[in-house]
């Protein structure tokens, strides 16, 4: 007894939409990863001989 692929696809879609609808009704929402929550940022600063350098020339910047 072989089922038609269309029936399997429709049954799968019904299950997926049913689960989605149930999730929305329960008020659940997906947990967002760091990249979607605002995340973490990294700021790099030039350091020379243990001291932070505030004024960096374009030439020094390009060399780095």
C-alpha atoms as a PDB file:
ATOM      1  CA  UNK A   1       0.000   0.000   0.000  1.00  0.00           C
ATOM      2  CA  UNK A   2       1.831   3.066  -1.279  1.00  0.00           C
ATOM      3  CA  UNK A   3       0.745   6.568  -0.267  1.00  0.00           C
ATOM      4  CA  UNK A   4       0.844   9.478  -2.647  1.00  0.00           C
ATOM      5  CA  UNK A   5       3.620  12.021  -2.018  1.00  0.00           C
ATOM      6  CA  UNK A   6       1.039  14.815  -2.076  1.00  0.00           C
ATOM      7  CA  UNK A   7      -0.826  13.270   0.859  1.00  0.00           C
ATOM      8  CA  UNK A   8       2.382  12.991   2.867  1.00  0.00           C
ATOM      9  CA  UNK A   9       3.250  16.614   2.101  1.00  0.00           C
ATOM     10  CA  UNK A  10      -0.229  17.839   3.073  1.00  0.00           C
ATOM     11  CA  UNK A  11      -0.156  15.829   6.305  1.00  0.00           C
ATOM     12  CA  UNK A  12       3.273  17.257   7.154  1.00  0.00           C
ATOM     13  CA  UNK A  13       2.081  20.810   6.491  1.00  0.00           C
ATOM     14  CA  UNK A  14      -1.008  20.264   8.676  1.00  0.00           C
ATOM     15  CA  UNK A  15       1.192  19.060  11.548  1.00  0.00           C
ATOM     16  CA  UNK A  16       3.657  21.954  11.150  1.00  0.00           C
ATOM     17  CA  UNK A  17       0.933  24.601  11.005  1.00  0.00           C
ATOM     18  CA  UNK A  18      -0.854  22.965  13.937  1.00  0.00           C
ATOM     19  CA  UNK A  19       2.284  23.108  16.065  1.00  0.00           C
ATOM     20  CA  UNK A  20       2.905  26.711  15.034  1.00  0.00           C
ATOM     21  CA  UNK A  21      -0.661  27.690  15.894  1.00  0.00           C
ATOM     22  CA  UNK A  22      -0.452  25.910  19.272  1.00  0.00           C
ATOM     23  CA  UNK A  23       2.818  27.690  20.053  1.00  0.00           C
ATOM     24  CA  UNK A  24       1.295  31.080  19.251  1.00  0.00           C
ATOM     25  CA  UNK A  25      -1.787  30.345  21.375  1.00  0.00           C
ATOM     26  CA  UNK A  26       0.389  29.439  24.368  1.00  0.00           C
ATOM     27  CA  UNK A  27       2.196  32.767  24.064  1.00  0.00           C
ATOM     28  CA  UNK A  28       5.597  31.228  23.558  1.00  0.00           C
ATOM     29  CA  UNK A  29       8.240  32.970  21.503  1.00  0.00           C
ATOM     30  CA  UNK A  30      11.577  31.733  20.206  1.00  0.00           C
ATOM     31  CA  UNK A  31      14.681  32.533  22.221  1.00  0.00           C
ATOM     32  CA  UNK A  32      16.952  34.744  20.210  1.00  0.00           C
ATOM     33  CA  UNK A  33      20.669  34.158  19.876  1.00  0.00           C
ATOM     34  CA  UNK A  34      23.266  36.774  20.740  1.00  0.00           C
ATOM     35  CA  UNK A  35      23.312  38.095  17.190  1.00  0.00           C
ATOM     36  CA  UNK A  36      19.574  38.886  17.329  1.00  0.00           C
ATOM     37  CA  UNK A  37      19.453  40.188  20.912  1.00  0.00           C
ATOM     38  CA  UNK A  38      21.958  42.931  20.398  1.00  0.00           C
ATOM     39  CA  UNK A  39      24.945  40.728  20.923  1.00  0.00           C
ATOM     40  CA  UNK A  40      28.381  41.593  22.108  1.00  0.00           C
ATOM     41  CA  UNK A  41      30.676  44.057  20.432  1.00  0.00           C
ATOM     42  CA  UNK A  42      34.451  44.124  20.421  1.00  0.00           C
ATOM     43  CA  UNK A  43      36.314  47.417  20.196  1.00  0.00           C
ATOM     44  CA  UNK A  44      40.002  47.202  19.406  1.00  0.00           C
ATOM     45  CA  UNK A  45      42.404  49.908  20.557  1.00  0.00           C
ATOM     46  CA  UNK A  46      46.005  50.339  19.472  1.00  0.00           C
ATOM     47  CA  UNK A  47      48.529  49.716  22.250  1.00  0.00           C
ATOM     48  CA  UNK A  48      52.216  50.508  22.088  1.00  0.00           C
ATOM     49  CA  UNK A  49      54.570  49.551  24.903  1.00  0.00           C
ATOM     50  CA  UNK A  50      51.639  48.902  27.232  1.00  0.00           C
ATOM     51  CA  UNK A  51      49.944  52.288  26.659  1.00  0.00           C
ATOM     52  CA  UNK A  52      46.783  52.962  24.659  1.00  0.00           C
ATOM     53  CA  UNK A  53      47.390  55.265  21.696  1.00  0.00           C
ATOM     54  CA  UNK A  54      44.607  57.809  21.092  1.00  0.00           C
ATOM     55  CA  UNK A  55      45.831  59.458  17.894  1.00  0.00           C
ATOM     56  CA  UNK A  56      46.711  57.016  15.131  1.00  0.00           C
ATOM     57  CA  UNK A  57      47.740  58.269  11.700  1.00  0.00           C
ATOM     58  CA  UNK A  58      46.231  56.830   8.527  1.00  0.00           C
ATOM     59  CA  UNK A  59      49.626  55.365   7.657  1.00  0.00           C
ATOM     60  CA  UNK A  60      49.844  53.508  10.973  1.00  0.00           C
ATOM     61  CA  UNK A  61      46.272  52.333  10.570  1.00  0.00           C
ATOM     62  CA  UNK A  62      46.905  50.963   7.083  1.00  0.00           C
ATOM     63  CA  UNK A  63      50.098  49.254   8.251  1.00  0.00           C
ATOM     64  CA  UNK A  64      48.220  47.405  10.979  1.00  0.00           C
END
